[in-house]
């Protein structure tokens, strides 16, 4: 039960952190196209996500000694707590706490110049722990992981924002949608390429694909292929239809955006399980 709870919190942390940070990345990227009302709406949305992510980080910090001990009485052990907070996992949580705390303050006080660096600090927590950090090819892996995490956050954040701003098919929304589509056209393939290179470097051999880590990796790849299909459908069919004023386009776009959003959540949950419970070279 403890391991299951730890993995569930890990998955929730991945989802909320990438959604909050990605919302800030998206809001920054399309700032010139957003009206005042939409900008305020997305700022409040990002603040709620950030506070939720911050709560998850705090709960994770409290339960980290329990996970290390494998028993609930670990929560009352000060030595174990100190060990947990000084461990690589503890460093990750400290970095996320500082990044998300600063981000929450920046969003609450409406300081966009501080929000973006804080979001990047929170995303940087993915680079200070895990398999890529201890691998012999880490000089190559860390930039790839940074690209992978940043692109995933932007895409996930954009999907959440576009869902929040839909369904109005007015000129402003279409401009925001078009700007996202242009960026996604090159960003999403880079996300996939970085993922493939990470996997090719981390996996010891083809046989690893039959082991738990590899099976989950293939599951991620299959889900990503579905996401690419939905993104292509939006880009080639639905968005042009929305621009032409087709009656069904707005409703269809909302359905496909929601489907993409939920699929990304599943991909992040699979990633949390894959990286938290298994190793690329484990049997």
C-alpha atoms as a PDB file:
ATOM      1  CA  UNK A   1       0.000   0.000   0.000  1.00  0.00           C
ATOM      2  CA  UNK A   2       2.836   2.405   0.825  1.00  0.00           C
ATOM      3  CA  UNK A   3       4.516   1.831  -2.530  1.00  0.00           C
ATOM      4  CA  UNK A   4       1.197   2.264  -4.356  1.00  0.00           C
ATOM      5  CA  UNK A   5       0.508   5.531  -2.530  1.00  0.00           C
ATOM      6  CA  UNK A   6       4.047   6.746  -3.245  1.00  0.00           C
ATOM      7  CA  UNK A   7       3.649   5.995  -6.954  1.00  0.00           C
ATOM      8  CA  UNK A   8       0.212   7.657  -7.052  1.00  0.00           C
ATOM      9  CA  UNK A   9       1.652  10.817  -5.482  1.00  0.00           C
ATOM     10  CA  UNK A  10       4.555  10.660  -7.913  1.00  0.00           C
ATOM     11  CA  UNK A  11       2.155  10.485 -10.862  1.00  0.00           C
ATOM     12  CA  UNK A  12       0.008  13.324  -9.494  1.00  0.00           C
ATOM     13  CA  UNK A  13       3.150  15.391  -8.964  1.00  0.00           C
ATOM     14  CA  UNK A  14       4.279  14.819 -12.561  1.00  0.00           C
ATOM     15  CA  UNK A  15       0.873  15.773 -13.948  1.00  0.00           C
ATOM     16  CA  UNK A  16       0.335  18.896 -11.843  1.00  0.00           C
ATOM     17  CA  UNK A  17       3.912  20.185 -12.102  1.00  0.00           C
ATOM     18  CA  UNK A  18       4.044  19.844 -15.884  1.00  0.00           C
ATOM     19  CA  UNK A  19       0.555  21.299 -16.256  1.00  0.00           C
ATOM     20  CA  UNK A  20       1.294  24.316 -14.047  1.00  0.00           C
ATOM     21  CA  UNK A  21       4.715  24.999 -15.579  1.00  0.00           C
ATOM     22  CA  UNK A  22       3.436  24.287 -19.082  1.00  0.00           C
ATOM     23  CA  UNK A  23       0.589  26.751 -18.610  1.00  0.00           C
ATOM     24  CA  UNK A  24       3.158  29.442 -17.805  1.00  0.00           C
ATOM     25  CA  UNK A  25       5.256  28.461 -20.851  1.00  0.00           C
ATOM     26  CA  UNK A  26       2.208  28.587 -23.112  1.00  0.00           C
ATOM     27  CA  UNK A  27       0.926  31.849 -21.639  1.00  0.00           C
ATOM     28  CA  UNK A  28       4.344  33.421 -22.195  1.00  0.00           C
ATOM     29  CA  UNK A  29       4.567  32.124 -25.769  1.00  0.00           C
ATOM     30  CA  UNK A  30       1.174  33.526 -26.839  1.00  0.00           C
ATOM     31  CA  UNK A  31       1.129  36.613 -24.594  1.00  0.00           C
ATOM     32  CA  UNK A  32       0.894  39.001 -27.550  1.00  0.00           C
ATOM     33  CA  UNK A  33      -2.264  37.270 -28.817  1.00  0.00           C
ATOM     34  CA  UNK A  34      -4.097  37.052 -25.488  1.00  0.00           C
ATOM     35  CA  UNK A  35      -6.652  39.618 -24.486  1.00  0.00           C
ATOM     36  CA  UNK A  36      -6.665  40.954 -20.923  1.00  0.00           C
ATOM     37  CA  UNK A  37      -9.564  38.722 -19.876  1.00  0.00           C
ATOM     38  CA  UNK A  38      -7.991  35.544 -21.284  1.00  0.00           C
ATOM     39  CA  UNK A  39      -4.619  36.399 -19.725  1.00  0.00           C
ATOM     40  CA  UNK A  40      -6.252  36.814 -16.286  1.00  0.00           C
ATOM     41  CA  UNK A  41      -8.176  33.568 -16.733  1.00  0.00           C
ATOM     42  CA  UNK A  42      -5.003  31.628 -17.524  1.00  0.00           C
ATOM     43  CA  UNK A  43      -3.117  33.263 -14.650  1.00  0.00           C
ATOM     44  CA  UNK A  44      -5.789  32.151 -12.171  1.00  0.00           C
ATOM     45  CA  UNK A  45      -5.807  28.698 -13.754  1.00  0.00           C
ATOM     46  CA  UNK A  46      -2.013  28.417 -13.456  1.00  0.00           C
ATOM     47  CA  UNK A  47      -2.157  29.576  -9.835  1.00  0.00           C
ATOM     48  CA  UNK A  48      -4.661  26.867  -8.888  1.00  0.00           C
ATOM     49  CA  UNK A  49      -2.544  24.213 -10.594  1.00  0.00           C
ATOM     50  CA  UNK A  50       0.611  25.498  -8.907  1.00  0.00           C
ATOM     51  CA  UNK A  51      -0.957  25.426  -5.447  1.00  0.00           C
ATOM     52  CA  UNK A  52      -2.202  21.883  -6.052  1.00  0.00           C
ATOM     53  CA  UNK A  53       1.261  20.805  -7.233  1.00  0.00           C
ATOM     54  CA  UNK A  54       2.821  22.472  -4.192  1.00  0.00           C
ATOM     55  CA  UNK A  55       0.471  20.557  -1.892  1.00  0.00           C
ATOM     56  CA  UNK A  56       1.487  17.273  -3.538  1.00  0.00           C
ATOM     57  CA  UNK A  57       5.176  18.119  -3.044  1.00  0.00           C
ATOM     58  CA  UNK A  58       4.586  18.809   0.659  1.00  0.00           C
ATOM     59  CA  UNK A  59       2.727  15.507   1.106  1.00  0.00           C
ATOM     60  CA  UNK A  60       5.506  13.695  -0.763  1.00  0.00           C
ATOM     61  CA  UNK A  61       8.065  15.249   1.572  1.00  0.00           C
ATOM     62  CA  UNK A  62       6.114  14.098   4.621  1.00  0.00           C
ATOM     63  CA  UNK A  63       5.762  10.558   3.277  1.00  0.00           C
ATOM     64  CA  UNK A  64       9.279  10.123   1.896  1.00  0.00           C
ATOM     65  CA  UNK A  65      10.565   8.636   5.213  1.00  0.00           C
ATOM     66  CA  UNK A  66       7.616   6.235   5.186  1.00  0.00           C
ATOM     67  CA  UNK A  67       8.579   5.081   1.697  1.00  0.00           C
ATOM     68  CA  UNK A  68      12.215   4.611   2.696  1.00  0.00           C
ATOM     69  CA  UNK A  69      11.295   2.661   5.831  1.00  0.00           C
ATOM     70  CA  UNK A  70       8.557   0.648   4.177  1.00  0.00           C
ATOM     71  CA  UNK A  71       6.405   1.249   7.268  1.00  0.00           C
ATOM     72  CA  UNK A  72       4.176   4.056   8.553  1.00  0.00           C
ATOM     73  CA  UNK A  73       6.177   4.511  11.739  1.00  0.00           C
ATOM     74  CA  UNK A  74       8.982   5.955   9.588  1.00  0.00           C
ATOM     75  CA  UNK A  75       7.114   9.260   9.548  1.00  0.00           C
ATOM     76  CA  UNK A  76       8.036   9.855  13.210  1.00  0.00           C
ATOM     77  CA  UNK A  77      11.737   9.002  12.832  1.00  0.00           C
ATOM     78  CA  UNK A  78      13.762  12.269  12.712  1.00  0.00           C
ATOM     79  CA  UNK A  79      16.954  10.530  11.518  1.00  0.00           C
ATOM     80  CA  UNK A  80      15.076   8.886   8.664  1.00  0.00           C
ATOM     81  CA  UNK A  81      13.416  12.192   7.765  1.00  0.00           C
ATOM     82  CA  UNK A  82      16.804  13.899   7.618  1.00  0.00           C
ATOM     83  CA  UNK A  83      18.121  11.083   5.438  1.00  0.00           C
ATOM     84  CA  UNK A  84      15.102  11.315   3.139  1.00  0.00           C
ATOM     85  CA  UNK A  85      15.394  15.082   2.656  1.00  0.00           C
ATOM     86  CA  UNK A  86      19.133  14.801   1.935  1.00  0.00           C
ATOM     87  CA  UNK A  87      18.657  11.993  -0.599  1.00  0.00           C
ATOM     88  CA  UNK A  88      18.419  12.614  -4.385  1.00  0.00           C
ATOM     89  CA  UNK A  89      14.633  12.330  -4.073  1.00  0.00           C
ATOM     90  CA  UNK A  90      14.690  14.906  -1.296  1.00  0.00           C
ATOM     91  CA  UNK A  91      16.737  17.291  -3.451  1.00  0.00           C
ATOM     92  CA  UNK A  92      14.124  16.937  -6.197  1.00  0.00           C
ATOM     93  CA  UNK A  93      11.353  17.806  -3.745  1.00  0.00           C
ATOM     94  CA  UNK A  94      13.254  20.809  -2.360  1.00  0.00           C
ATOM     95  CA  UNK A  95      13.814  22.144  -5.879  1.00  0.00           C
ATOM     96  CA  UNK A  96      10.160  21.658  -6.761  1.00  0.00           C
ATOM     97  CA  UNK A  97       9.068  23.303  -3.517  1.00  0.00           C
ATOM     98  CA  UNK A  98      11.218  26.357  -4.216  1.00  0.00           C
ATOM     99  CA  UNK A  99      10.218  26.585  -7.874  1.00  0.00           C
ATOM    100  CA  UNK A 100       6.511  26.088  -7.281  1.00  0.00           C
ATOM    101  CA  UNK A 101       6.470  28.337  -4.206  1.00  0.00           C
ATOM    102  CA  UNK A 102       8.100  31.147  -6.172  1.00  0.00           C
ATOM    103  CA  UNK A 103       5.759  30.495  -9.095  1.00  0.00           C
ATOM    104  CA  UNK A 104       2.690  30.687  -6.851  1.00  0.00           C
ATOM    105  CA  UNK A 105       3.902  34.018  -5.461  1.00  0.00           C
ATOM    106  CA  UNK A 106       4.631  35.352  -8.954  1.00  0.00           C
ATOM    107  CA  UNK A 107       1.189  34.360 -10.238  1.00  0.00           C
ATOM    108  CA  UNK A 108      -0.596  35.681  -7.148  1.00  0.00           C
ATOM    109  CA  UNK A 109       1.190  39.028  -7.372  1.00  0.00           C
ATOM    110  CA  UNK A 110       0.978  39.066 -11.209  1.00  0.00           C
ATOM    111  CA  UNK A 111       4.737  39.207 -11.843  1.00  0.00           C
ATOM    112  CA  UNK A 112       5.145  37.541 -15.271  1.00  0.00           C
ATOM    113  CA  UNK A 113       8.876  38.242 -15.313  1.00  0.00           C
ATOM    114  CA  UNK A 114       9.326  36.015 -12.264  1.00  0.00           C
ATOM    115  CA  UNK A 115       6.827  33.328 -13.293  1.00  0.00           C
ATOM    116  CA  UNK A 116       8.814  31.946 -16.226  1.00  0.00           C
ATOM    117  CA  UNK A 117      12.134  31.453 -14.342  1.00  0.00           C
ATOM    118  CA  UNK A 118      10.243  29.861 -11.440  1.00  0.00           C
ATOM    119  CA  UNK A 119       8.502  27.451 -13.816  1.00  0.00           C
ATOM    120  CA  UNK A 120      11.874  26.539 -15.342  1.00  0.00           C
ATOM    121  CA  UNK A 121      13.328  25.872 -11.872  1.00  0.00           C
ATOM    122  CA  UNK A 122      10.421  23.537 -11.112  1.00  0.00           C
ATOM    123  CA  UNK A 123      10.922  21.713 -14.430  1.00  0.00           C
ATOM    124  CA  UNK A 124      14.657  21.543 -13.747  1.00  0.00           C
ATOM    125  CA  UNK A 125      13.923  19.186 -10.859  1.00  0.00           C
ATOM    126  CA  UNK A 126      13.603  16.397 -13.435  1.00  0.00           C
ATOM    127  CA  UNK A 127      17.291  16.821 -14.264  1.00  0.00           C
ATOM    128  CA  UNK A 128      18.780  16.303 -10.801  1.00  0.00           C
ATOM    129  CA  UNK A 129      17.768  12.698 -10.198  1.00  0.00           C
ATOM    130  CA  UNK A 130      16.962   9.486 -12.027  1.00  0.00           C
ATOM    131  CA  UNK A 131      18.560   7.092 -14.481  1.00  0.00           C
ATOM    132  CA  UNK A 132      19.941   9.794 -16.795  1.00  0.00           C
ATOM    133  CA  UNK A 133      22.001  11.353 -14.006  1.00  0.00           C
ATOM    134  CA  UNK A 134      23.889   8.158 -13.173  1.00  0.00           C
ATOM    135  CA  UNK A 135      24.244   6.816 -16.705  1.00  0.00           C
ATOM    136  CA  UNK A 136      27.709   6.960 -18.293  1.00  0.00           C
ATOM    137  CA  UNK A 137      26.212   8.945 -21.213  1.00  0.00           C
ATOM    138  CA  UNK A 138      24.706  11.629 -18.978  1.00  0.00           C
ATOM    139  CA  UNK A 139      26.423  14.451 -20.908  1.00  0.00           C
ATOM    140  CA  UNK A 140      24.235  13.498 -23.871  1.00  0.00           C
ATOM    141  CA  UNK A 141      21.189  12.429 -21.872  1.00  0.00           C
ATOM    142  CA  UNK A 142      20.685  15.552 -19.749  1.00  0.00           C
ATOM    143  CA  UNK A 143      20.142  17.955 -22.708  1.00  0.00           C
ATOM    144  CA  UNK A 144      17.832  15.401 -24.312  1.00  0.00           C
ATOM    145  CA  UNK A 145      15.874  15.052 -21.073  1.00  0.00           C
ATOM    146  CA  UNK A 146      15.644  18.856 -20.739  1.00  0.00           C
ATOM    147  CA  UNK A 147      14.247  19.078 -24.279  1.00  0.00           C
ATOM    148  CA  UNK A 148      11.866  16.183 -23.641  1.00  0.00           C
ATOM    149  CA  UNK A 149      10.525  17.630 -20.375  1.00  0.00           C
ATOM    150  CA  UNK A 150      10.252  21.186 -21.703  1.00  0.00           C
ATOM    151  CA  UNK A 151       8.418  20.145 -24.867  1.00  0.00           C
ATOM    152  CA  UNK A 152       6.068  17.863 -22.921  1.00  0.00           C
ATOM    153  CA  UNK A 153       5.281  20.642 -20.435  1.00  0.00           C
ATOM    154  CA  UNK A 154       4.551  23.160 -23.193  1.00  0.00           C
ATOM    155  CA  UNK A 155       2.299  20.729 -25.081  1.00  0.00           C
ATOM    156  CA  UNK A 156       0.431  19.625 -21.962  1.00  0.00           C
ATOM    157  CA  UNK A 157       0.079  23.199 -20.716  1.00  0.00           C
ATOM    158  CA  UNK A 158      -1.159  24.359 -24.106  1.00  0.00           C
ATOM    159  CA  UNK A 159      -3.831  21.657 -24.237  1.00  0.00           C
ATOM    160  CA  UNK A 160      -5.108  22.662 -20.809  1.00  0.00           C
ATOM    161  CA  UNK A 161      -5.154  26.355 -21.738  1.00  0.00           C
ATOM    162  CA  UNK A 162      -6.870  25.821 -25.082  1.00  0.00           C
ATOM    163  CA  UNK A 163      -9.532  23.757 -23.338  1.00  0.00           C
ATOM    164  CA  UNK A 164     -10.046  26.545 -20.808  1.00  0.00           C
ATOM    165  CA  UNK A 165     -10.365  29.213 -23.499  1.00  0.00           C
ATOM    166  CA  UNK A 166     -12.613  27.164 -25.827  1.00  0.00           C
ATOM    167  CA  UNK A 167     -15.187  27.125 -27.364  1.00  0.00           C
ATOM    168  CA  UNK A 168     -15.282  30.730 -28.674  1.00  0.00           C
ATOM    169  CA  UNK A 169     -14.235  30.643 -32.338  1.00  0.00           C
ATOM    170  CA  UNK A 170     -13.448  34.350 -32.415  1.00  0.00           C
ATOM    171  CA  UNK A 171     -10.432  35.924 -34.108  1.00  0.00           C
ATOM    172  CA  UNK A 172      -8.362  36.091 -30.905  1.00  0.00           C
ATOM    173  CA  UNK A 173      -8.851  32.412 -30.097  1.00  0.00           C
ATOM    174  CA  UNK A 174      -8.024  31.431 -33.664  1.00  0.00           C
ATOM    175  CA  UNK A 175      -4.774  33.439 -33.479  1.00  0.00           C
ATOM    176  CA  UNK A 176      -3.787  31.706 -30.239  1.00  0.00           C
ATOM    177  CA  UNK A 177      -4.687  28.321 -31.736  1.00  0.00           C
ATOM    178  CA  UNK A 178      -2.723  29.063 -34.897  1.00  0.00           C
ATOM    179  CA  UNK A 179       0.348  30.152 -32.935  1.00  0.00           C
ATOM    180  CA  UNK A 180       0.218  26.948 -30.904  1.00  0.00           C
ATOM    181  CA  UNK A 181      -0.189  24.854 -34.064  1.00  0.00           C
ATOM    182  CA  UNK A 182       2.868  26.465 -35.651  1.00  0.00           C
ATOM    183  CA  UNK A 183       5.010  25.741 -32.579  1.00  0.00           C
ATOM    184  CA  UNK A 184       3.611  22.238 -32.137  1.00  0.00           C
ATOM    185  CA  UNK A 185       4.495  21.433 -35.750  1.00  0.00           C
ATOM    186  CA  UNK A 186       8.195  21.299 -34.879  1.00  0.00           C
ATOM    187  CA  UNK A 187       8.063  20.902 -31.100  1.00  0.00           C
ATOM    188  CA  UNK A 188       6.097  17.648 -30.978  1.00  0.00           C
ATOM    189  CA  UNK A 189       8.441  15.774 -33.355  1.00  0.00           C
ATOM    190  CA  UNK A 190      11.376  17.026 -31.249  1.00  0.00           C
ATOM    191  CA  UNK A 191       9.622  15.646 -28.170  1.00  0.00           C
ATOM    192  CA  UNK A 192       9.331  12.250 -29.845  1.00  0.00           C
ATOM    193  CA  UNK A 193      12.896  12.311 -31.172  1.00  0.00           C
ATOM    194  CA  UNK A 194      14.298  13.176 -27.733  1.00  0.00           C
ATOM    195  CA  UNK A 195      12.291  10.312 -26.235  1.00  0.00           C
ATOM    196  CA  UNK A 196      13.599   7.829 -28.807  1.00  0.00           C
ATOM    197  CA  UNK A 197      17.214   8.915 -28.254  1.00  0.00           C
ATOM    198  CA  UNK A 198      16.794   8.706 -24.477  1.00  0.00           C
ATOM    199  CA  UNK A 199      15.389   5.192 -24.742  1.00  0.00           C
ATOM    200  CA  UNK A 200      18.060   4.061 -27.207  1.00  0.00           C
ATOM    201  CA  UNK A 201      20.794   5.275 -24.874  1.00  0.00           C
ATOM    202  CA  UNK A 202      19.331   3.965 -21.618  1.00  0.00           C
ATOM    203  CA  UNK A 203      18.206   0.504 -22.734  1.00  0.00           C
ATOM    204  CA  UNK A 204      21.048  -2.044 -22.617  1.00  0.00           C
ATOM    205  CA  UNK A 205      19.713  -4.223 -25.465  1.00  0.00           C
ATOM    206  CA  UNK A 206      16.596  -5.070 -27.488  1.00  0.00           C
ATOM    207  CA  UNK A 207      15.680  -7.755 -24.962  1.00  0.00           C
ATOM    208  CA  UNK A 208      15.033  -5.005 -22.405  1.00  0.00           C
ATOM    209  CA  UNK A 209      11.843  -4.178 -24.301  1.00  0.00           C
ATOM    210  CA  UNK A 210      10.352  -7.434 -23.007  1.00  0.00           C
ATOM    211  CA  UNK A 211      11.021  -6.484 -19.389  1.00  0.00           C
ATOM    212  CA  UNK A 212       8.724  -4.217 -17.297  1.00  0.00           C
ATOM    213  CA  UNK A 213      10.569  -0.968 -18.080  1.00  0.00           C
ATOM    214  CA  UNK A 214      10.586  -1.780 -21.787  1.00  0.00           C
ATOM    215  CA  UNK A 215       6.922  -2.808 -21.865  1.00  0.00           C
ATOM    216  CA  UNK A 216       5.920   0.480 -20.228  1.00  0.00           C
ATOM    217  CA  UNK A 217       8.168   2.335 -22.661  1.00  0.00           C
ATOM    218  CA  UNK A 218       6.409   0.672 -25.596  1.00  0.00           C
ATOM    219  CA  UNK A 219       3.068   1.594 -24.003  1.00  0.00           C
ATOM    220  CA  UNK A 220       4.220   5.218 -23.891  1.00  0.00           C
ATOM    221  CA  UNK A 221       5.266   5.031 -27.537  1.00  0.00           C
ATOM    222  CA  UNK A 222       1.854   3.659 -28.565  1.00  0.00           C
ATOM    223  CA  UNK A 223       0.026   6.388 -26.657  1.00  0.00           C
ATOM    224  CA  UNK A 224       2.311   9.004 -28.192  1.00  0.00           C
ATOM    225  CA  UNK A 225       1.458   7.704 -31.667  1.00  0.00           C
ATOM    226  CA  UNK A 226      -2.247   8.196 -30.892  1.00  0.00           C
ATOM    227  CA  UNK A 227      -1.477  11.710 -29.655  1.00  0.00           C
ATOM    228  CA  UNK A 228       0.345  12.485 -32.904  1.00  0.00           C
ATOM    229  CA  UNK A 229      -2.691  11.311 -34.839  1.00  0.00           C
ATOM    230  CA  UNK A 230      -5.026  13.571 -32.866  1.00  0.00           C
ATOM    231  CA  UNK A 231      -2.638  16.518 -33.227  1.00  0.00           C
ATOM    232  CA  UNK A 232      -2.480  15.972 -36.993  1.00  0.00           C
ATOM    233  CA  UNK A 233      -6.283  15.774 -37.150  1.00  0.00           C
ATOM    234  CA  UNK A 234      -6.561  19.096 -35.328  1.00  0.00           C
ATOM    235  CA  UNK A 235      -3.928  20.765 -37.498  1.00  0.00           C
ATOM    236  CA  UNK A 236      -5.138  19.504 -40.877  1.00  0.00           C
ATOM    237  CA  UNK A 237      -8.903  19.189 -40.500  1.00  0.00           C
ATOM    238  CA  UNK A 238     -10.463  20.714 -37.414  1.00  0.00           C
ATOM    239  CA  UNK A 239      -8.601  24.024 -37.056  1.00  0.00           C
ATOM    240  CA  UNK A 240      -9.093  24.936 -40.751  1.00  0.00           C
ATOM    241  CA  UNK A 241     -12.766  24.021 -40.356  1.00  0.00           C
ATOM    242  CA  UNK A 242     -13.004  26.281 -37.326  1.00  0.00           C
ATOM    243  CA  UNK A 243     -11.447  29.118 -39.327  1.00  0.00           C
ATOM    244  CA  UNK A 244     -14.034  28.567 -42.085  1.00  0.00           C
ATOM    245  CA  UNK A 245     -16.838  28.771 -39.535  1.00  0.00           C
ATOM    246  CA  UNK A 246     -18.023  25.173 -39.858  1.00  0.00           C
ATOM    247  CA  UNK A 247     -20.730  24.595 -37.193  1.00  0.00           C
ATOM    248  CA  UNK A 248     -19.402  21.281 -35.860  1.00  0.00           C
ATOM    249  CA  UNK A 249     -15.728  22.296 -35.752  1.00  0.00           C
ATOM    250  CA  UNK A 250     -15.768  23.980 -32.319  1.00  0.00           C
ATOM    251  CA  UNK A 251     -17.438  21.004 -30.615  1.00  0.00           C
ATOM    252  CA  UNK A 252     -15.117  18.549 -32.367  1.00  0.00           C
ATOM    253  CA  UNK A 253     -12.078  20.571 -31.351  1.00  0.00           C
ATOM    254  CA  UNK A 254     -13.138  20.480 -27.705  1.00  0.00           C
ATOM    255  CA  UNK A 255     -13.484  16.669 -27.894  1.00  0.00           C
ATOM    256  CA  UNK A 256     -10.067  16.173 -29.508  1.00  0.00           C
ATOM    257  CA  UNK A 257      -8.357  18.615 -27.115  1.00  0.00           C
ATOM    258  CA  UNK A 258      -9.890  16.768 -24.164  1.00  0.00           C
ATOM    259  CA  UNK A 259      -8.818  13.408 -25.608  1.00  0.00           C
ATOM    260  CA  UNK A 260      -5.250  14.680 -26.068  1.00  0.00           C
ATOM    261  CA  UNK A 261      -5.236  16.148 -22.563  1.00  0.00           C
ATOM    262  CA  UNK A 262      -6.370  12.889 -20.961  1.00  0.00           C
ATOM    263  CA  UNK A 263      -3.930  10.828 -23.023  1.00  0.00           C
ATOM    264  CA  UNK A 264      -1.025  13.016 -21.898  1.00  0.00           C
ATOM    265  CA  UNK A 265      -2.132  12.435 -18.294  1.00  0.00           C
ATOM    266  CA  UNK A 266      -2.017   8.685 -18.906  1.00  0.00           C
ATOM    267  CA  UNK A 267       1.434   8.985 -20.517  1.00  0.00           C
ATOM    268  CA  UNK A 268       2.712  10.904 -17.479  1.00  0.00           C
ATOM    269  CA  UNK A 269       1.224   8.318 -15.108  1.00  0.00           C
ATOM    270  CA  UNK A 270       2.955   5.545 -17.078  1.00  0.00           C
ATOM    271  CA  UNK A 271       6.199   7.549 -16.930  1.00  0.00           C
ATOM    272  CA  UNK A 272       5.898   7.939 -13.155  1.00  0.00           C
ATOM    273  CA  UNK A 273       5.432   4.186 -12.769  1.00  0.00           C
ATOM    274  CA  UNK A 274       8.182   3.325 -15.236  1.00  0.00           C
ATOM    275  CA  UNK A 275      10.817   5.615 -13.708  1.00  0.00           C
ATOM    276  CA  UNK A 276       9.747   5.121 -10.103  1.00  0.00           C
ATOM    277  CA  UNK A 277       9.397   1.347  -9.927  1.00  0.00           C
ATOM    278  CA  UNK A 278      11.711  -0.048 -12.598  1.00  0.00           C
ATOM    279  CA  UNK A 279      15.165   0.382 -14.097  1.00  0.00           C
ATOM    280  CA  UNK A 280      16.099   0.218 -17.807  1.00  0.00           C
ATOM    281  CA  UNK A 281      18.551  -2.607 -17.201  1.00  0.00           C
ATOM    282  CA  UNK A 282      16.590  -4.526 -14.546  1.00  0.00           C
ATOM    283  CA  UNK A 283      15.438  -8.052 -15.266  1.00  0.00           C
END
